[in-house]
């Protein structure tokens, strides 16, 4: 069984699987489609991704894929901790450009579900952080997009000083939200 908590932006959820432990260690079903199906969350994932970030301050994001290859994401941390951010990029949404941040960590054993129509990113809070996430569509380089992590219109309050970030070249030169057509319209399926 899992605990599912609404995070205040349409479709964004925190998921905390049960963890059963004893002196030998623990066991947890980190994903069970039968348990998640009644919550309305998608359970048809097609690809798992795994990243390792060696140092605190590695920032990955804010990423999304254009329709028709948009991705729902179920993100968890298996070692370390991240500050995970989702930004509503659906034109016409009452929360367009709003963001939500959540610490996701191996210690908390929580996950975040990021629906289509949201840009997603995270910054590592600990050394040697490993993140695993499931997605509902395959990676498509032609549809891969990024929005600037420090876009003042969005105003994400990252818990790391801006000068301490380690960014990819793609993320460092990303456009602002106002400069892109995200391809998402509120109320229309991606």
N, C-alpha and C. Protein backbone atom coordinates (compact mmCIF):
# COMPACT_ATOMS: atom_id res chain seq x y z
N UNK A 1 0.85 -1.19 0.00
CA UNK A 1 0.00 0.00 0.00
C UNK A 1 0.89 1.24 0.00
N UNK A 2 0.39 2.30 -0.59
CA UNK A 2 1.14 3.55 -0.67
C UNK A 2 0.31 4.70 -0.13
N UNK A 3 1.00 5.74 0.30
CA UNK A 3 0.34 6.97 0.71
C UNK A 3 0.52 7.97 -0.42
N UNK A 4 -0.58 8.60 -0.86
CA UNK A 4 -0.53 9.59 -1.94
C UNK A 4 -1.03 10.92 -1.39
N UNK A 5 -0.22 11.98 -1.59
CA UNK A 5 -0.56 13.31 -1.08
C UNK A 5 -0.56 14.31 -2.23
N UNK A 6 -1.64 15.09 -2.34
CA UNK A 6 -1.75 16.15 -3.34
C UNK A 6 -0.83 17.30 -2.95
N UNK A 7 -0.07 17.82 -3.92
CA UNK A 7 0.90 18.88 -3.63
C UNK A 7 0.42 20.28 -4.03
N UNK A 8 -0.85 20.41 -4.40
CA UNK A 8 -1.42 21.74 -4.62
C UNK A 8 -1.41 22.25 -6.05
N UNK A 9 -0.61 21.65 -6.93
CA UNK A 9 -0.68 21.99 -8.35
C UNK A 9 -1.32 20.80 -9.05
N UNK A 10 -2.27 21.06 -9.92
CA UNK A 10 -3.09 20.06 -10.58
C UNK A 10 -2.29 18.85 -11.07
N UNK A 11 -2.48 17.71 -10.43
CA UNK A 11 -1.85 16.47 -10.85
C UNK A 11 -0.53 16.14 -10.17
N UNK A 12 0.08 17.10 -9.50
CA UNK A 12 1.37 16.89 -8.84
C UNK A 12 1.13 16.18 -7.51
N UNK A 13 1.83 15.05 -7.28
CA UNK A 13 1.58 14.22 -6.10
C UNK A 13 2.89 13.77 -5.46
N UNK A 14 2.85 13.63 -4.13
CA UNK A 14 3.93 12.94 -3.41
C UNK A 14 3.43 11.54 -3.10
N UNK A 15 4.27 10.55 -3.37
CA UNK A 15 3.91 9.15 -3.14
C UNK A 15 4.94 8.56 -2.19
N UNK A 16 4.45 7.95 -1.12
CA UNK A 16 5.35 7.33 -0.15
C UNK A 16 4.97 5.87 0.01
N UNK A 17 5.77 4.97 -0.56
CA UNK A 17 5.50 3.54 -0.42
C UNK A 17 5.77 3.07 1.01
N UNK A 18 5.09 2.01 1.40
CA UNK A 18 5.35 1.39 2.70
C UNK A 18 6.72 0.72 2.65
N UNK A 19 7.41 0.77 3.77
CA UNK A 19 8.73 0.17 3.90
C UNK A 19 8.69 -0.77 5.10
N UNK A 20 8.94 -2.04 4.87
CA UNK A 20 8.89 -3.05 5.92
C UNK A 20 10.31 -3.45 6.27
N UNK A 21 10.71 -3.22 7.52
CA UNK A 21 12.09 -3.50 7.90
C UNK A 21 12.20 -4.36 9.14
N UNK A 22 13.35 -4.98 9.25
CA UNK A 22 13.73 -5.70 10.45
C UNK A 22 15.25 -5.66 10.55
N UNK A 23 15.83 -6.47 11.44
CA UNK A 23 17.27 -6.41 11.64
C UNK A 23 18.07 -6.86 10.41
N UNK A 24 17.42 -7.48 9.44
CA UNK A 24 18.10 -7.91 8.21
C UNK A 24 18.17 -6.81 7.16
N UNK A 25 17.27 -5.83 7.27
CA UNK A 25 17.18 -4.77 6.25
C UNK A 25 15.74 -4.36 6.05
N UNK A 26 15.32 -4.18 4.78
CA UNK A 26 13.94 -3.78 4.51
C UNK A 26 13.48 -4.34 3.18
N UNK A 27 12.16 -4.25 2.96
CA UNK A 27 11.52 -4.57 1.69
C UNK A 27 10.47 -3.51 1.42
N UNK A 28 10.35 -3.09 0.16
CA UNK A 28 9.34 -2.11 -0.21
C UNK A 28 8.94 -2.32 -1.66
N UNK A 29 7.64 -2.24 -1.93
CA UNK A 29 7.15 -2.18 -3.31
C UNK A 29 7.17 -0.71 -3.70
N UNK A 30 8.15 -0.31 -4.46
CA UNK A 30 8.28 1.10 -4.82
C UNK A 30 7.31 1.51 -5.93
N UNK A 31 6.81 0.52 -6.66
CA UNK A 31 5.78 0.78 -7.68
C UNK A 31 4.90 -0.45 -7.78
N UNK A 32 3.59 -0.24 -7.67
CA UNK A 32 2.61 -1.30 -7.83
C UNK A 32 1.42 -0.70 -8.57
N UNK A 33 1.22 -1.10 -9.82
CA UNK A 33 0.18 -0.51 -10.64
C UNK A 33 -1.21 -0.73 -10.05
N UNK A 34 -1.42 -1.84 -9.38
CA UNK A 34 -2.73 -2.12 -8.77
C UNK A 34 -3.04 -1.12 -7.65
N UNK A 35 -2.02 -0.74 -6.88
CA UNK A 35 -2.23 0.23 -5.80
C UNK A 35 -2.41 1.65 -6.34
N UNK A 36 -1.69 1.99 -7.42
CA UNK A 36 -1.77 3.35 -7.95
C UNK A 36 -2.97 3.59 -8.87
N UNK A 37 -3.47 2.57 -9.53
CA UNK A 37 -4.57 2.74 -10.48
C UNK A 37 -5.78 3.45 -9.87
N UNK A 38 -6.22 3.11 -8.66
CA UNK A 38 -7.39 3.81 -8.09
C UNK A 38 -7.14 5.30 -7.81
N UNK A 39 -5.90 5.73 -7.75
CA UNK A 39 -5.59 7.14 -7.48
C UNK A 39 -5.73 7.99 -8.73
N UNK A 40 -5.86 7.35 -9.90
CA UNK A 40 -5.95 8.08 -11.16
C UNK A 40 -4.62 8.38 -11.79
N UNK A 41 -3.52 7.99 -11.13
CA UNK A 41 -2.20 8.21 -11.70
C UNK A 41 -1.93 7.21 -12.81
N UNK A 42 -1.21 7.62 -13.86
CA UNK A 42 -0.89 6.67 -14.93
C UNK A 42 -0.02 5.54 -14.39
N UNK A 43 -0.27 4.36 -14.90
CA UNK A 43 0.52 3.21 -14.47
C UNK A 43 1.21 2.53 -15.65
N UNK A 44 1.10 3.12 -16.83
CA UNK A 44 1.70 2.57 -18.04
C UNK A 44 3.06 3.22 -18.31
N UNK A 45 4.05 2.86 -17.55
CA UNK A 45 5.39 3.40 -17.74
C UNK A 45 6.13 2.53 -18.75
N UNK A 46 7.00 3.15 -19.56
CA UNK A 46 7.68 2.40 -20.62
C UNK A 46 9.20 2.47 -20.53
N UNK A 47 9.73 3.33 -19.67
CA UNK A 47 11.18 3.51 -19.61
C UNK A 47 11.57 3.93 -18.19
N UNK A 48 12.66 3.37 -17.70
CA UNK A 48 13.25 3.80 -16.43
C UNK A 48 14.55 4.52 -16.72
N UNK A 49 14.79 5.63 -16.01
CA UNK A 49 16.04 6.39 -16.15
C UNK A 49 16.74 6.42 -14.79
N UNK A 50 18.06 6.48 -14.82
CA UNK A 50 18.86 6.45 -13.59
C UNK A 50 19.99 7.44 -13.75
N UNK A 51 20.12 8.38 -12.80
CA UNK A 51 21.22 9.33 -12.87
C UNK A 51 22.02 9.31 -11.58
N UNK A 52 23.30 9.56 -11.71
CA UNK A 52 24.20 9.72 -10.58
C UNK A 52 24.80 11.11 -10.67
N UNK A 53 24.74 11.84 -9.56
CA UNK A 53 25.36 13.16 -9.49
C UNK A 53 26.38 13.10 -8.36
N UNK A 54 27.65 13.32 -8.69
CA UNK A 54 28.73 13.14 -7.73
C UNK A 54 28.76 14.18 -6.61
N UNK A 55 28.41 15.42 -6.92
CA UNK A 55 28.57 16.50 -5.93
C UNK A 55 27.23 17.14 -5.59
N UNK A 56 27.11 17.73 -4.41
CA UNK A 56 25.95 18.58 -4.13
C UNK A 56 25.96 19.77 -5.09
N UNK A 57 24.78 20.25 -5.45
CA UNK A 57 24.69 21.41 -6.32
C UNK A 57 24.58 21.09 -7.80
N UNK A 58 24.54 19.79 -8.17
CA UNK A 58 24.30 19.44 -9.57
C UNK A 58 22.83 19.73 -9.84
N UNK A 59 22.58 20.60 -10.82
CA UNK A 59 21.21 20.96 -11.17
C UNK A 59 20.89 20.40 -12.55
N UNK A 60 19.82 19.67 -12.63
CA UNK A 60 19.35 19.09 -13.89
C UNK A 60 17.93 19.61 -14.13
N UNK A 61 17.76 20.43 -15.17
CA UNK A 61 16.43 20.93 -15.45
C UNK A 61 16.44 22.39 -15.83
N UNK A 62 15.30 22.83 -16.13
CA UNK A 62 13.94 22.31 -16.03
C UNK A 62 13.56 21.68 -17.38
N UNK A 63 13.34 20.38 -17.40
CA UNK A 63 13.17 19.62 -18.63
C UNK A 63 11.71 19.20 -18.85
N UNK A 64 11.37 19.03 -20.14
CA UNK A 64 10.08 18.45 -20.52
C UNK A 64 10.19 17.99 -21.97
N UNK A 65 9.22 17.19 -22.41
CA UNK A 65 9.13 16.80 -23.81
C UNK A 65 7.82 17.31 -24.38
N UNK A 66 7.89 17.82 -25.61
CA UNK A 66 6.71 18.31 -26.30
C UNK A 66 5.75 17.17 -26.63
N UNK A 67 4.44 17.47 -26.68
CA UNK A 67 3.50 16.50 -27.23
C UNK A 67 3.86 16.25 -28.70
N UNK A 68 3.65 15.11 -29.26
CA UNK A 68 2.92 13.98 -28.70
C UNK A 68 3.79 13.02 -27.88
N UNK A 69 4.98 13.43 -27.51
CA UNK A 69 5.87 12.56 -26.72
C UNK A 69 6.09 13.09 -25.31
N UNK A 70 5.07 13.78 -24.79
CA UNK A 70 5.14 14.28 -23.42
C UNK A 70 5.25 13.10 -22.45
N UNK A 71 5.85 13.36 -21.29
CA UNK A 71 6.09 12.30 -20.32
C UNK A 71 5.54 12.66 -18.95
N UNK A 72 4.79 11.73 -18.36
CA UNK A 72 4.55 11.76 -16.93
C UNK A 72 5.80 11.14 -16.31
N UNK A 73 6.19 11.59 -15.10
CA UNK A 73 7.39 11.06 -14.45
C UNK A 73 7.06 10.66 -13.01
N UNK A 74 7.61 9.54 -12.59
CA UNK A 74 7.55 9.10 -11.20
C UNK A 74 8.99 9.02 -10.72
N UNK A 75 9.38 9.96 -9.86
CA UNK A 75 10.78 10.18 -9.49
C UNK A 75 11.04 9.75 -8.06
N UNK A 76 12.13 9.00 -7.86
CA UNK A 76 12.55 8.63 -6.51
C UNK A 76 14.06 8.68 -6.40
N UNK A 77 14.54 8.82 -5.18
CA UNK A 77 15.97 8.88 -4.90
C UNK A 77 16.35 7.61 -4.16
N UNK A 78 17.36 6.90 -4.66
CA UNK A 78 17.77 5.66 -3.99
C UNK A 78 19.01 5.85 -3.13
N UNK A 79 19.71 6.97 -3.34
CA UNK A 79 20.84 7.33 -2.48
C UNK A 79 20.96 8.84 -2.47
N UNK A 80 21.02 9.42 -1.26
CA UNK A 80 21.17 10.86 -1.14
C UNK A 80 19.85 11.59 -1.09
N UNK A 81 19.87 12.85 -1.57
CA UNK A 81 18.68 13.71 -1.50
C UNK A 81 18.74 14.77 -2.58
N UNK A 82 17.57 15.16 -3.07
CA UNK A 82 17.43 16.25 -4.04
C UNK A 82 16.32 17.19 -3.59
N UNK A 83 16.40 18.41 -4.08
CA UNK A 83 15.27 19.33 -4.03
C UNK A 83 14.66 19.26 -5.42
N UNK A 84 13.48 18.68 -5.52
CA UNK A 84 12.83 18.40 -6.78
C UNK A 84 11.79 19.48 -7.07
N UNK A 85 11.76 19.97 -8.31
CA UNK A 85 10.89 21.09 -8.68
C UNK A 85 10.06 20.73 -9.91
N UNK A 86 8.78 21.08 -9.85
CA UNK A 86 7.88 20.96 -11.00
C UNK A 86 7.26 22.32 -11.25
N UNK A 87 7.19 22.72 -12.54
CA UNK A 87 6.64 24.02 -12.94
C UNK A 87 5.51 23.78 -13.94
N UNK A 88 4.35 24.35 -13.66
CA UNK A 88 3.20 24.23 -14.56
C UNK A 88 3.47 25.06 -15.82
N UNK A 89 3.52 24.39 -16.98
CA UNK A 89 3.80 25.08 -18.25
C UNK A 89 2.63 24.93 -19.23
N UNK A 90 1.43 24.73 -18.70
CA UNK A 90 0.23 24.58 -19.53
C UNK A 90 -0.41 25.96 -19.74
N UNK A 91 -0.35 26.45 -20.96
CA UNK A 91 -0.97 27.75 -21.28
C UNK A 91 -2.43 27.74 -20.87
N UNK A 92 -2.87 28.81 -20.22
CA UNK A 92 -4.26 28.93 -19.79
C UNK A 92 -4.55 28.32 -18.42
N UNK A 93 -3.58 27.64 -17.84
CA UNK A 93 -3.77 27.05 -16.51
C UNK A 93 -3.82 28.16 -15.45
N UNK A 94 -4.69 28.02 -14.45
CA UNK A 94 -4.71 29.02 -13.38
C UNK A 94 -3.39 29.06 -12.59
N UNK A 95 -2.58 28.01 -12.73
CA UNK A 95 -1.29 27.99 -12.03
C UNK A 95 -0.11 28.02 -13.01
N UNK A 96 -0.34 28.53 -14.23
CA UNK A 96 0.74 28.61 -15.23
C UNK A 96 1.94 29.38 -14.65
N UNK A 97 3.12 28.80 -14.79
CA UNK A 97 4.35 29.44 -14.32
C UNK A 97 4.61 29.27 -12.83
N UNK A 98 3.68 28.65 -12.12
CA UNK A 98 3.87 28.40 -10.69
C UNK A 98 4.70 27.13 -10.51
N UNK A 99 5.44 27.09 -9.41
CA UNK A 99 6.29 25.94 -9.16
C UNK A 99 6.03 25.37 -7.78
N UNK A 100 6.43 24.13 -7.61
CA UNK A 100 6.39 23.48 -6.31
C UNK A 100 7.69 22.73 -6.13
N UNK A 101 8.27 22.83 -4.94
CA UNK A 101 9.51 22.12 -4.64
C UNK A 101 9.32 21.18 -3.46
N UNK A 102 9.98 20.04 -3.53
CA UNK A 102 9.86 19.01 -2.50
C UNK A 102 11.19 18.31 -2.34
N UNK A 103 11.63 18.13 -1.09
CA UNK A 103 12.82 17.30 -0.89
C UNK A 103 12.41 15.85 -1.07
N UNK A 104 13.10 15.18 -1.96
CA UNK A 104 12.90 13.75 -2.20
C UNK A 104 14.22 13.09 -1.83
N UNK A 105 14.15 12.07 -0.98
CA UNK A 105 15.39 11.48 -0.49
C UNK A 105 15.24 9.99 -0.22
N UNK A 106 16.38 9.32 -0.19
CA UNK A 106 16.40 7.90 0.17
C UNK A 106 15.92 7.74 1.61
N UNK A 107 16.29 8.66 2.47
CA UNK A 107 15.89 8.57 3.87
C UNK A 107 14.38 8.71 4.05
N UNK A 108 13.77 9.68 3.36
CA UNK A 108 12.32 9.88 3.47
C UNK A 108 11.53 8.79 2.74
N UNK A 109 12.16 8.15 1.76
CA UNK A 109 11.56 7.07 0.97
C UNK A 109 10.32 7.55 0.22
N UNK A 110 10.33 8.85 -0.12
CA UNK A 110 9.19 9.41 -0.85
C UNK A 110 9.51 9.51 -2.33
N UNK A 111 8.49 9.73 -3.12
CA UNK A 111 8.60 9.90 -4.56
C UNK A 111 7.74 11.10 -4.95
N UNK A 112 7.99 11.64 -6.14
CA UNK A 112 7.13 12.70 -6.65
C UNK A 112 6.63 12.29 -8.03
N UNK A 113 5.34 12.47 -8.24
CA UNK A 113 4.75 12.23 -9.55
C UNK A 113 4.59 13.58 -10.23
N UNK A 114 5.22 13.73 -11.40
CA UNK A 114 5.19 14.97 -12.18
C UNK A 114 4.42 14.68 -13.47
N UNK A 115 3.22 15.26 -13.63
CA UNK A 115 2.41 14.97 -14.82
C UNK A 115 2.89 15.71 -16.06
N UNK A 116 2.41 15.24 -17.20
CA UNK A 116 2.61 15.95 -18.46
C UNK A 116 2.14 17.39 -18.28
N UNK A 117 2.81 18.31 -18.96
CA UNK A 117 2.43 19.71 -18.84
C UNK A 117 3.18 20.45 -17.75
N UNK A 118 4.16 19.76 -17.15
CA UNK A 118 5.02 20.36 -16.14
C UNK A 118 6.47 20.20 -16.56
N UNK A 119 7.26 21.25 -16.40
CA UNK A 119 8.72 21.12 -16.55
C UNK A 119 9.24 20.58 -15.22
N UNK A 120 10.32 19.83 -15.29
CA UNK A 120 10.83 19.15 -14.09
C UNK A 120 12.34 19.32 -13.98
N UNK A 121 12.79 19.48 -12.76
CA UNK A 121 14.23 19.54 -12.50
C UNK A 121 14.52 19.27 -11.04
N UNK A 122 15.79 19.10 -10.75
CA UNK A 122 16.20 18.92 -9.36
C UNK A 122 17.62 19.38 -9.17
N UNK A 123 17.95 19.68 -7.91
CA UNK A 123 19.32 19.99 -7.54
C UNK A 123 19.70 19.00 -6.43
N UNK A 124 20.92 18.48 -6.51
CA UNK A 124 21.36 17.51 -5.51
C UNK A 124 21.75 18.23 -4.22
N UNK A 125 21.42 17.60 -3.10
CA UNK A 125 21.71 18.16 -1.79
C UNK A 125 22.84 17.43 -1.07
N UNK A 126 23.19 16.25 -1.57
CA UNK A 126 24.22 15.42 -0.94
C UNK A 126 25.15 14.86 -2.01
N UNK A 127 26.36 14.45 -1.62
CA UNK A 127 27.26 13.81 -2.57
C UNK A 127 26.69 12.45 -3.04
N UNK A 128 27.09 12.05 -4.23
CA UNK A 128 26.76 10.72 -4.78
C UNK A 128 25.27 10.40 -4.71
N UNK A 129 24.47 11.34 -5.19
CA UNK A 129 23.02 11.17 -5.20
C UNK A 129 22.60 10.41 -6.46
N UNK A 130 21.77 9.38 -6.24
CA UNK A 130 21.24 8.60 -7.36
C UNK A 130 19.73 8.75 -7.43
N UNK A 131 19.25 9.10 -8.63
CA UNK A 131 17.83 9.31 -8.88
C UNK A 131 17.39 8.31 -9.94
N UNK A 132 16.24 7.70 -9.69
CA UNK A 132 15.63 6.79 -10.66
C UNK A 132 14.23 7.31 -10.94
N UNK A 133 13.86 7.36 -12.21
CA UNK A 133 12.49 7.77 -12.51
C UNK A 133 11.93 7.03 -13.69
N UNK A 134 10.63 6.75 -13.58
CA UNK A 134 9.86 6.08 -14.62
C UNK A 134 9.19 7.16 -15.47
N UNK A 135 9.03 6.89 -16.77
CA UNK A 135 8.35 7.82 -17.66
C UNK A 135 7.34 7.07 -18.52
N UNK A 136 6.31 7.81 -18.99
CA UNK A 136 5.24 7.20 -19.76
C UNK A 136 5.41 7.29 -21.27
N UNK A 137 6.50 7.88 -21.73
CA UNK A 137 6.82 7.87 -23.16
C UNK A 137 8.33 7.81 -23.29
N UNK A 138 8.78 7.29 -24.40
CA UNK A 138 10.22 7.13 -24.62
C UNK A 138 10.89 8.48 -24.84
N UNK A 139 12.18 8.55 -24.55
CA UNK A 139 12.96 9.76 -24.81
C UNK A 139 12.93 10.05 -26.31
N UNK A 140 12.68 11.30 -26.65
CA UNK A 140 12.64 11.73 -28.04
C UNK A 140 13.48 13.00 -28.16
N UNK A 141 14.71 12.90 -28.70
CA UNK A 141 15.57 14.08 -28.80
C UNK A 141 14.91 15.25 -29.54
N UNK A 142 14.06 14.95 -30.54
CA UNK A 142 13.41 16.00 -31.31
C UNK A 142 12.38 16.77 -30.48
N UNK A 143 11.87 16.17 -29.42
CA UNK A 143 10.83 16.77 -28.59
C UNK A 143 11.35 17.25 -27.24
N UNK A 144 12.61 16.98 -26.97
CA UNK A 144 13.24 17.35 -25.70
C UNK A 144 13.41 18.86 -25.61
N UNK A 145 12.96 19.45 -24.50
CA UNK A 145 13.05 20.90 -24.30
C UNK A 145 13.49 21.21 -22.88
N UNK A 146 13.94 22.44 -22.68
CA UNK A 146 14.40 22.89 -21.36
C UNK A 146 14.02 24.36 -21.19
N UNK A 147 13.74 24.72 -19.94
CA UNK A 147 13.46 26.11 -19.56
C UNK A 147 14.50 26.51 -18.52
N UNK A 148 14.89 27.74 -18.56
CA UNK A 148 15.93 28.27 -17.68
C UNK A 148 15.59 28.04 -16.20
N UNK A 149 16.51 27.44 -15.46
CA UNK A 149 16.31 27.10 -14.04
C UNK A 149 16.13 28.34 -13.16
N UNK A 150 16.69 29.48 -13.59
CA UNK A 150 16.61 30.70 -12.78
C UNK A 150 15.75 31.78 -13.44
N UNK A 151 14.76 31.34 -14.21
CA UNK A 151 13.84 32.27 -14.87
C UNK A 151 13.15 33.12 -13.79
N UNK A 152 13.32 34.46 -13.83
CA UNK A 152 12.72 35.31 -12.79
C UNK A 152 11.20 35.29 -12.81
N UNK A 153 10.59 35.00 -13.95
CA UNK A 153 9.12 34.91 -14.02
C UNK A 153 8.63 33.73 -13.17
N UNK A 154 9.40 32.66 -13.12
CA UNK A 154 9.02 31.49 -12.33
C UNK A 154 9.45 31.68 -10.87
N UNK A 155 10.69 32.08 -10.66
CA UNK A 155 11.16 32.41 -9.32
C UNK A 155 11.39 31.24 -8.37
N UNK A 156 11.88 30.12 -8.90
CA UNK A 156 12.16 28.97 -8.03
C UNK A 156 13.15 29.38 -6.94
N UNK A 157 12.85 29.02 -5.72
CA UNK A 157 13.72 29.29 -4.57
C UNK A 157 14.57 28.04 -4.32
N UNK A 158 15.63 27.89 -5.10
CA UNK A 158 16.51 26.74 -4.94
C UNK A 158 17.25 26.84 -3.60
N UNK A 159 17.45 25.73 -2.89
CA UNK A 159 18.12 25.77 -1.59
C UNK A 159 19.64 25.76 -1.69
N UNK A 160 20.17 26.07 -2.86
CA UNK A 160 21.61 26.11 -3.11
C UNK A 160 21.91 27.47 -3.73
N UNK A 161 23.00 28.10 -3.35
CA UNK A 161 23.39 29.38 -3.94
C UNK A 161 23.63 29.22 -5.44
N UNK A 162 23.16 30.17 -6.23
CA UNK A 162 23.24 30.09 -7.69
C UNK A 162 24.67 29.84 -8.18
N UNK A 163 25.65 30.44 -7.56
CA UNK A 163 27.04 30.26 -7.99
C UNK A 163 27.59 28.88 -7.70
N UNK A 164 26.88 28.10 -6.89
CA UNK A 164 27.35 26.76 -6.52
C UNK A 164 26.79 25.68 -7.44
N UNK A 165 25.93 26.03 -8.40
CA UNK A 165 25.33 25.04 -9.29
C UNK A 165 26.35 24.47 -10.27
N UNK A 166 26.19 23.21 -10.57
CA UNK A 166 26.91 22.56 -11.67
C UNK A 166 25.86 22.22 -12.71
N UNK A 167 25.99 22.82 -13.91
CA UNK A 167 24.99 22.70 -14.96
C UNK A 167 25.56 22.08 -16.22
N UNK A 168 24.71 21.41 -16.98
CA UNK A 168 25.10 20.98 -18.33
C UNK A 168 25.08 22.21 -19.23
N UNK A 169 25.74 22.13 -20.37
CA UNK A 169 25.73 23.23 -21.33
C UNK A 169 24.30 23.53 -21.78
N UNK A 170 23.51 22.49 -22.00
CA UNK A 170 22.12 22.65 -22.44
C UNK A 170 21.32 23.43 -21.40
N UNK A 171 21.46 23.08 -20.13
CA UNK A 171 20.70 23.76 -19.08
C UNK A 171 21.17 25.19 -18.86
N UNK A 172 22.47 25.43 -19.00
CA UNK A 172 23.03 26.76 -18.77
C UNK A 172 22.55 27.78 -19.81
N UNK A 173 22.26 27.32 -21.03
CA UNK A 173 21.84 28.26 -22.08
C UNK A 173 20.36 28.12 -22.44
N UNK A 174 19.57 27.55 -21.53
CA UNK A 174 18.14 27.35 -21.78
C UNK A 174 17.40 28.68 -21.89
N UNK A 175 16.32 28.70 -22.68
CA UNK A 175 15.52 29.92 -22.81
C UNK A 175 14.59 30.12 -21.61
N UNK A 176 14.05 31.32 -21.50
CA UNK A 176 13.06 31.64 -20.48
C UNK A 176 11.70 31.08 -20.89
N UNK A 177 10.82 30.89 -19.92
CA UNK A 177 9.48 30.38 -20.21
C UNK A 177 8.75 31.27 -21.22
N UNK A 178 8.87 32.58 -21.10
CA UNK A 178 8.19 33.52 -22.00
C UNK A 178 8.70 33.41 -23.45
N UNK A 179 9.84 32.79 -23.64
CA UNK A 179 10.44 32.69 -24.98
C UNK A 179 10.10 31.39 -25.71
N UNK A 180 9.33 30.50 -25.08
CA UNK A 180 9.06 29.20 -25.70
C UNK A 180 7.57 28.95 -25.84
N UNK A 181 7.23 28.13 -26.82
CA UNK A 181 5.88 27.58 -26.94
C UNK A 181 5.99 26.17 -26.37
N UNK A 182 5.43 25.98 -25.18
CA UNK A 182 5.60 24.70 -24.48
C UNK A 182 4.83 23.56 -25.14
N UNK A 183 3.83 23.88 -25.96
CA UNK A 183 3.05 22.83 -26.60
C UNK A 183 1.91 22.30 -25.74
N UNK A 184 1.77 22.82 -24.52
CA UNK A 184 0.72 22.34 -23.62
C UNK A 184 -0.34 23.41 -23.42
N UNK A 185 -1.60 23.00 -23.47
CA UNK A 185 -2.73 23.88 -23.24
C UNK A 185 -3.58 23.26 -22.13
N UNK A 186 -3.89 24.06 -21.13
CA UNK A 186 -4.68 23.59 -19.98
C UNK A 186 -6.00 23.00 -20.44
N UNK A 187 -6.33 21.82 -19.94
CA UNK A 187 -7.60 21.18 -20.26
C UNK A 187 -7.55 20.31 -21.50
N UNK A 188 -6.45 20.32 -22.23
CA UNK A 188 -6.30 19.46 -23.40
C UNK A 188 -5.28 18.39 -23.11
N UNK A 189 -5.60 17.17 -23.49
CA UNK A 189 -4.69 16.05 -23.29
C UNK A 189 -3.44 16.22 -24.14
N UNK A 190 -2.29 15.96 -23.54
CA UNK A 190 -1.02 16.08 -24.26
C UNK A 190 -0.76 14.87 -25.12
